[in-house]
């Protein structure tokens, strides 16, 4: 159980780091990988960040729950 909790914490940390990437870098990455696509709007970047932070929060919550279960 503790191995799963550690994995969840590491994944949550990576998701938080992804949410901290500046919008300009996301736009540059998208223009390189999909040059004919539309420009990313600011609202789409914000929605992406919110989704990443919600997933990180759920991962932290599940990791704490796993540690609680391992203690019993």
PDB file of N, CA and C in Angstrom:
ATOM      1  N   UNK A   1       0.812  -1.198   0.000  1.00  0.00           N
ATOM      2  CA  UNK A   1       0.000   0.000   0.000  1.00  0.00           C
ATOM      3  C   UNK A   1       0.857   1.265   0.000  1.00  0.00           C
ATOM      4  N   UNK A   2       1.978   1.236   0.723  1.00  0.00           N
ATOM      5  CA  UNK A   2       2.793   2.451   0.771  1.00  0.00           C
ATOM      6  C   UNK A   2       3.456   2.732  -0.572  1.00  0.00           C
ATOM      7  N   UNK A   3       3.766   1.681  -1.321  1.00  0.00           N
ATOM      8  CA  UNK A   3       4.327   1.875  -2.657  1.00  0.00           C
ATOM      9  C   UNK A   3       3.345   2.577  -3.582  1.00  0.00           C
ATOM     10  N   UNK A   4       2.089   2.215  -3.480  1.00  0.00           N
ATOM     11  CA  UNK A   4       1.046   2.866  -4.277  1.00  0.00           C
ATOM     12  C   UNK A   4       0.874   4.319  -3.845  1.00  0.00           C
ATOM     13  N   UNK A   5       0.957   4.573  -2.547  1.00  0.00           N
ATOM     14  CA  UNK A   5       0.830   5.945  -2.049  1.00  0.00           C
ATOM     15  C   UNK A   5       1.984   6.811  -2.557  1.00  0.00           C
ATOM     16  N   UNK A   6       3.187   6.276  -2.526  1.00  0.00           N
ATOM     17  CA  UNK A   6       4.343   7.021  -3.020  1.00  0.00           C
ATOM     18  C   UNK A   6       4.191   7.302  -4.513  1.00  0.00           C
ATOM     19  N   UNK A   7       3.722   6.322  -5.261  1.00  0.00           N
ATOM     20  CA  UNK A   7       3.485   6.513  -6.688  1.00  0.00           C
ATOM     21  C   UNK A   7       2.460   7.615  -6.937  1.00  0.00           C
ATOM     22  N   UNK A   8       1.405   7.641  -6.155  1.00  0.00           N
ATOM     23  CA  UNK A   8       0.391   8.678  -6.295  1.00  0.00           C
ATOM     24  C   UNK A   8       0.948  10.053  -5.961  1.00  0.00           C
ATOM     25  N   UNK A   9       1.785  10.142  -4.925  1.00  0.00           N
ATOM     26  CA  UNK A   9       2.385  11.427  -4.561  1.00  0.00           C
ATOM     27  C   UNK A   9       3.334  11.924  -5.655  1.00  0.00           C
ATOM     28  N   UNK A  10       4.112  11.018  -6.230  1.00  0.00           N
ATOM     29  CA  UNK A  10       5.024  11.405  -7.316  1.00  0.00           C
ATOM     30  C   UNK A  10       4.230  11.861  -8.531  1.00  0.00           C
ATOM     31  N   UNK A  11       3.181  11.127  -8.872  1.00  0.00           N
ATOM     32  CA  UNK A  11       2.334  11.514  -9.998  1.00  0.00           C
ATOM     33  C   UNK A  11       1.681  12.874  -9.750  1.00  0.00           C
ATOM     34  N   UNK A  12       1.231  13.110  -8.528  1.00  0.00           N
ATOM     35  CA  UNK A  12       0.624  14.402  -8.192  1.00  0.00           C
ATOM     36  C   UNK A  12       1.649  15.530  -8.317  1.00  0.00           C
ATOM     37  N   UNK A  13       2.880  15.272  -7.906  1.00  0.00           N
ATOM     38  CA  UNK A  13       3.922  16.295  -8.037  1.00  0.00           C
ATOM     39  C   UNK A  13       4.199  16.602  -9.503  1.00  0.00           C
ATOM     40  N   UNK A  14       4.220  15.582 -10.346  1.00  0.00           N
ATOM     41  CA  UNK A  14       4.428  15.801 -11.778  1.00  0.00           C
ATOM     42  C   UNK A  14       3.275  16.578 -12.403  1.00  0.00           C
ATOM     43  N   UNK A  15       2.057  16.289 -11.983  1.00  0.00           N
ATOM     44  CA  UNK A  15       0.904  17.025 -12.496  1.00  0.00           C
ATOM     45  C   UNK A  15       0.954  18.487 -12.083  1.00  0.00           C
ATOM     46  N   UNK A  16       1.383  18.744 -10.858  1.00  0.00           N
ATOM     47  CA  UNK A  16       1.509  20.127 -10.397  1.00  0.00           C
ATOM     48  C   UNK A  16       2.595  20.844 -11.189  1.00  0.00           C
ATOM     49  N   UNK A  17       3.704  20.164 -11.457  1.00  0.00           N
ATOM     50  CA  UNK A  17       4.756  20.769 -12.275  1.00  0.00           C
ATOM     51  C   UNK A  17       4.255  21.068 -13.690  1.00  0.00           C
ATOM     52  N   UNK A  18       3.453  20.166 -14.248  1.00  0.00           N
ATOM     53  CA  UNK A  18       2.892  20.416 -15.578  1.00  0.00           C
ATOM     54  C   UNK A  18       1.966  21.628 -15.569  1.00  0.00           C
ATOM     55  N   UNK A  19       1.240  21.823 -14.482  1.00  0.00           N
ATOM     56  CA  UNK A  19       0.335  22.962 -14.388  1.00  0.00           C
ATOM     57  C   UNK A  19       1.098  24.276 -14.277  1.00  0.00           C
ATOM     58  N   UNK A  20       2.353  24.219 -13.852  1.00  0.00           N
ATOM     59  CA  UNK A  20       3.154  25.437 -13.690  1.00  0.00           C
ATOM     60  C   UNK A  20       3.877  25.862 -14.964  1.00  0.00           C
ATOM     61  N   UNK A  21       3.781  25.081 -16.021  1.00  0.00           N
ATOM     62  CA  UNK A  21       4.444  25.429 -17.283  1.00  0.00           C
ATOM     63  C   UNK A  21       3.756  26.654 -17.879  1.00  0.00           C
ATOM     64  N   UNK A  22       4.529  27.654 -18.315  1.00  0.00           N
ATOM     65  CA  UNK A  22       3.920  28.860 -18.875  1.00  0.00           C
ATOM     66  C   UNK A  22       3.113  28.567 -20.145  1.00  0.00           C
ATOM     67  N   UNK A  23       2.110  29.383 -20.373  1.00  0.00           N
ATOM     68  CA  UNK A  23       1.223  29.193 -21.529  1.00  0.00           C
ATOM     69  C   UNK A  23       1.976  29.310 -22.842  1.00  0.00           C
ATOM     70  N   UNK A  24       3.010  30.132 -22.881  1.00  0.00           N
ATOM     71  CA  UNK A  24       3.785  30.292 -24.112  1.00  0.00           C
ATOM     72  C   UNK A  24       4.451  28.988 -24.525  1.00  0.00           C
ATOM     73  N   UNK A  25       4.911  28.227 -23.549  1.00  0.00           N
ATOM     74  CA  UNK A  25       5.535  26.939 -23.878  1.00  0.00           C
ATOM     75  C   UNK A  25       4.514  25.940 -24.399  1.00  0.00           C
ATOM     76  N   UNK A  26       3.303  25.945 -23.818  1.00  0.00           N
ATOM     77  CA  UNK A  26       2.253  25.054 -24.323  1.00  0.00           C
ATOM     78  C   UNK A  26       1.894  25.421 -25.757  1.00  0.00           C
ATOM     79  N   UNK A  27       1.807  26.733 -26.009  1.00  0.00           N
ATOM     80  CA  UNK A  27       1.483  27.187 -27.364  1.00  0.00           C
ATOM     81  C   UNK A  27       2.579  26.805 -28.355  1.00  0.00           C
ATOM     82  N   UNK A  28       3.838  26.945 -27.945  1.00  0.00           N
ATOM     83  CA  UNK A  28       4.950  26.582 -28.818  1.00  0.00           C
ATOM     84  C   UNK A  28       4.965  25.078 -29.088  1.00  0.00           C
ATOM     85  N   UNK A  29       4.712  24.279 -28.070  1.00  0.00           N
ATOM     86  CA  UNK A  29       4.671  22.831 -28.247  1.00  0.00           C
ATOM     87  C   UNK A  29       3.545  22.430 -29.190  1.00  0.00           C
ATOM     88  N   UNK A  30       2.395  23.055 -29.016  1.00  0.00           N
ATOM     89  CA  UNK A  30       1.259  22.735 -29.886  1.00  0.00           C
ATOM     90  C   UNK A  30       1.531  23.165 -31.326  1.00  0.00           C
ATOM     91  N   UNK A  31       2.161  24.298 -31.528  1.00  0.00           N
ATOM     92  CA  UNK A  31       2.435  24.744 -32.889  1.00  0.00           C
ATOM     93  C   UNK A  31       3.486  23.868 -33.563  1.00  0.00           C
ATOM     94  N   UNK A  32       4.387  23.271 -32.782  1.00  0.00           N
ATOM     95  CA  UNK A  32       5.374  22.352 -33.362  1.00  0.00           C
ATOM     96  C   UNK A  32       4.749  21.011 -33.713  1.00  0.00           C
ATOM     97  N   UNK A  33       3.893  20.490 -32.834  1.00  0.00           N
ATOM     98  CA  UNK A  33       3.339  19.156 -33.051  1.00  0.00           C
ATOM     99  C   UNK A  33       2.131  19.170 -33.980  1.00  0.00           C
ATOM    100  N   UNK A  34       1.408  20.288 -34.025  1.00  0.00           N
ATOM    101  CA  UNK A  34       0.198  20.386 -34.847  1.00  0.00           C
ATOM    102  C   UNK A  34       0.170  21.780 -35.479  1.00  0.00           C
ATOM    103  N   UNK A  35       1.022  21.995 -36.507  1.00  0.00           N
ATOM    104  CA  UNK A  35       1.184  23.349 -37.043  1.00  0.00           C
ATOM    105  C   UNK A  35      -0.071  23.926 -37.705  1.00  0.00           C
ATOM    106  N   UNK A  36      -0.931  23.095 -38.238  1.00  0.00           N
ATOM    107  CA  UNK A  36      -2.118  23.628 -38.904  1.00  0.00           C
ATOM    108  C   UNK A  36      -3.284  23.848 -37.944  1.00  0.00           C
ATOM    109  N   UNK A  37      -3.093  23.571 -36.671  1.00  0.00           N
ATOM    110  CA  UNK A  37      -4.163  23.722 -35.681  1.00  0.00           C
ATOM    111  C   UNK A  37      -4.377  25.171 -35.298  1.00  0.00           C
ATOM    112  N   UNK A  38      -5.488  25.395 -34.652  1.00  0.00           N
ATOM    113  CA  UNK A  38      -5.814  26.746 -34.188  1.00  0.00           C
ATOM    114  C   UNK A  38      -4.919  27.128 -33.005  1.00  0.00           C
ATOM    115  N   UNK A  39      -4.824  28.417 -32.779  1.00  0.00           N
ATOM    116  CA  UNK A  39      -4.068  28.934 -31.639  1.00  0.00           C
ATOM    117  C   UNK A  39      -4.798  28.595 -30.337  1.00  0.00           C
ATOM    118  N   UNK A  40      -4.038  28.218 -29.316  1.00  0.00           N
ATOM    119  CA  UNK A  40      -4.642  27.940 -28.011  1.00  0.00           C
ATOM    120  C   UNK A  40      -5.093  29.242 -27.362  1.00  0.00           C
ATOM    121  N   UNK A  41      -6.308  29.258 -26.909  1.00  0.00           N
ATOM    122  CA  UNK A  41      -6.804  30.438 -26.213  1.00  0.00           C
ATOM    123  C   UNK A  41      -6.377  30.395 -24.744  1.00  0.00           C
ATOM    124  N   UNK A  42      -6.448  31.524 -24.116  1.00  0.00           N
ATOM    125  CA  UNK A  42      -6.083  31.603 -22.697  1.00  0.00           C
ATOM    126  C   UNK A  42      -7.033  30.775 -21.847  1.00  0.00           C
ATOM    127  N   UNK A  43      -8.305  30.764 -22.221  1.00  0.00           N
ATOM    128  CA  UNK A  43      -9.271  29.992 -21.435  1.00  0.00           C
ATOM    129  C   UNK A  43      -8.997  28.491 -21.530  1.00  0.00           C
ATOM    130  N   UNK A  44      -8.538  28.016 -22.680  1.00  0.00           N
ATOM    131  CA  UNK A  44      -8.241  26.588 -22.789  1.00  0.00           C
ATOM    132  C   UNK A  44      -7.024  26.207 -21.954  1.00  0.00           C
ATOM    133  N   UNK A  45      -6.059  27.116 -21.861  1.00  0.00           N
ATOM    134  CA  UNK A  45      -4.895  26.853 -21.012  1.00  0.00           C
ATOM    135  C   UNK A  45      -5.311  26.831 -19.543  1.00  0.00           C
ATOM    136  N   UNK A  46      -6.205  27.744 -19.156  1.00  0.00           N
ATOM    137  CA  UNK A  46      -6.680  27.789 -17.775  1.00  0.00           C
ATOM    138  C   UNK A  46      -7.460  26.523 -17.444  1.00  0.00           C
ATOM    139  N   UNK A  47      -8.312  26.075 -18.362  1.00  0.00           N
ATOM    140  CA  UNK A  47      -9.073  24.843 -18.130  1.00  0.00           C
ATOM    141  C   UNK A  47      -8.124  23.650 -17.999  1.00  0.00           C
ATOM    142  N   UNK A  48      -7.098  23.617 -18.824  1.00  0.00           N
ATOM    143  CA  UNK A  48      -6.110  22.544 -18.715  1.00  0.00           C
ATOM    144  C   UNK A  48      -5.398  22.546 -17.380  1.00  0.00           C
ATOM    145  N   UNK A  49      -5.033  23.745 -16.917  1.00  0.00           N
ATOM    146  CA  UNK A  49      -4.366  23.841 -15.612  1.00  0.00           C
ATOM    147  C   UNK A  49      -5.287  23.408 -14.483  1.00  0.00           C
ATOM    148  N   UNK A  50      -6.537  23.817 -14.561  1.00  0.00           N
ATOM    149  CA  UNK A  50      -7.497  23.429 -13.517  1.00  0.00           C
ATOM    150  C   UNK A  50      -7.650  21.911 -13.499  1.00  0.00           C
ATOM    151  N   UNK A  51      -7.756  21.297 -14.667  1.00  0.00           N
ATOM    152  CA  UNK A  51      -7.876  19.829 -14.726  1.00  0.00           C
ATOM    153  C   UNK A  51      -6.646  19.149 -14.135  1.00  0.00           C
ATOM    154  N   UNK A  52      -5.454  19.647 -14.466  1.00  0.00           N
ATOM    155  CA  UNK A  52      -4.237  19.062 -13.909  1.00  0.00           C
ATOM    156  C   UNK A  52      -4.188  19.198 -12.393  1.00  0.00           C
ATOM    157  N   UNK A  53      -4.581  20.359 -11.884  1.00  0.00           N
ATOM    158  CA  UNK A  53      -4.547  20.559 -10.429  1.00  0.00           C
ATOM    159  C   UNK A  53      -5.612  19.741  -9.712  1.00  0.00           C
ATOM    160  N   UNK A  54      -6.769  19.561 -10.337  1.00  0.00           N
ATOM    161  CA  UNK A  54      -7.808  18.703  -9.735  1.00  0.00           C
ATOM    162  C   UNK A  54      -7.324  17.256  -9.694  1.00  0.00           C
ATOM    163  N   UNK A  55      -6.714  16.785 -10.788  1.00  0.00           N
ATOM    164  CA  UNK A  55      -6.188  15.416 -10.796  1.00  0.00           C
ATOM    165  C   UNK A  55      -5.087  15.249  -9.753  1.00  0.00           C
ATOM    166  N   UNK A  56      -4.233  16.267  -9.587  1.00  0.00           N
ATOM    167  CA  UNK A  56      -3.185  16.200  -8.563  1.00  0.00           C
ATOM    168  C   UNK A  56      -3.791  16.155  -7.167  1.00  0.00           C
ATOM    169  N   UNK A  57      -4.819  16.950  -6.938  1.00  0.00           N
ATOM    170  CA  UNK A  57      -5.494  16.934  -5.641  1.00  0.00           C
ATOM    171  C   UNK A  57      -6.120  15.586  -5.340  1.00  0.00           C
ATOM    172  N   UNK A  58      -6.737  14.993  -6.352  1.00  0.00           N
ATOM    173  CA  UNK A  58      -7.317  13.660  -6.160  1.00  0.00           C
ATOM    174  C   UNK A  58      -6.236  12.619  -5.890  1.00  0.00           C
ATOM    175  N   UNK A  59      -5.092  12.762  -6.555  1.00  0.00           N
ATOM    176  CA  UNK A  59      -3.984  11.839  -6.310  1.00  0.00           C
ATOM    177  C   UNK A  59      -3.440  11.962  -4.899  1.00  0.00           C
ATOM    178  N   UNK A  60      -3.329  13.185  -4.411  1.00  0.00           N
ATOM    179  CA  UNK A  60      -2.866  13.396  -3.031  1.00  0.00           C
ATOM    180  C   UNK A  60      -3.870  12.825  -2.048  1.00  0.00           C
ATOM    181  N   UNK A  61      -5.148  13.072  -2.306  1.00  0.00           N
ATOM    182  CA  UNK A  61      -6.186  12.542  -1.426  1.00  0.00           C
ATOM    183  C   UNK A  61      -6.154  11.011  -1.401  1.00  0.00           C
ATOM    184  N   UNK A  62      -6.019  10.388  -2.574  1.00  0.00           N
ATOM    185  CA  UNK A  62      -5.947   8.930  -2.629  1.00  0.00           C
ATOM    186  C   UNK A  62      -4.677   8.411  -1.949  1.00  0.00           C
ATOM    187  N   UNK A  63      -3.564   9.136  -2.106  1.00  0.00           N
ATOM    188  CA  UNK A  63      -2.324   8.725  -1.451  1.00  0.00           C
ATOM    189  C   UNK A  63      -2.434   8.765   0.061  1.00  0.00           C
ATOM    190  N   UNK A  64      -3.057   9.810   0.580  1.00  0.00           N
ATOM    191  CA  UNK A  64      -3.274   9.894   2.031  1.00  0.00           C
ATOM    192  C   UNK A  64      -4.193   8.777   2.490  1.00  0.00           C
ATOM    193  N   UNK A  65      -5.206   8.484   1.704  1.00  0.00           N
ATOM    194  CA  UNK A  65      -6.130   7.395   2.040  1.00  0.00           C
ATOM    195  C   UNK A  65      -5.399   6.049   2.030  1.00  0.00           C
ATOM    196  N   UNK A  66      -4.496   5.854   1.070  1.00  0.00           N
ATOM    197  CA  UNK A  66      -3.717   4.609   1.024  1.00  0.00           C
ATOM    198  C   UNK A  66      -2.830   4.479   2.261  1.00  0.00           C
ATOM    199  N   UNK A  67      -2.212   5.590   2.679  1.00  0.00           N
ATOM    200  CA  UNK A  67      -1.383   5.542   3.880  1.00  0.00           C
ATOM    201  C   UNK A  67      -2.220   5.240   5.119  1.00  0.00           C
ATOM    202  N   UNK A  68      -3.427   5.805   5.148  1.00  0.00           N
ATOM    203  CA  UNK A  68      -4.317   5.533   6.287  1.00  0.00           C
ATOM    204  C   UNK A  68      -4.706   4.062   6.305  1.00  0.00           C
ATOM    205  N   UNK A  69      -4.993   3.494   5.138  1.00  0.00           N
ATOM    206  CA  UNK A  69      -5.355   2.076   5.075  1.00  0.00           C
ATOM    207  C   UNK A  69      -4.174   1.179   5.428  1.00  0.00           C
ATOM    208  N   UNK A  70      -2.967   1.584   5.035  1.00  0.00           N
ATOM    209  CA  UNK A  70      -1.788   0.778   5.349  1.00  0.00           C
ATOM    210  C   UNK A  70      -1.487   0.781   6.844  1.00  0.00           C
ATOM    211  N   UNK A  71      -1.890   1.847   7.533  1.00  0.00           N
ATOM    212  CA  UNK A  71      -1.627   1.927   8.972  1.00  0.00           C
ATOM    213  C   UNK A  71      -2.525   0.978   9.764  1.00  0.00           C
ATOM    214  N   UNK A  72      -3.673   0.632   9.191  1.00  0.00           N
ATOM    215  CA  UNK A  72      -4.594  -0.249   9.918  1.00  0.00           C
ATOM    216  C   UNK A  72      -4.280  -1.639   9.580  1.00  0.00           C
TER     217      UNK A  72
END
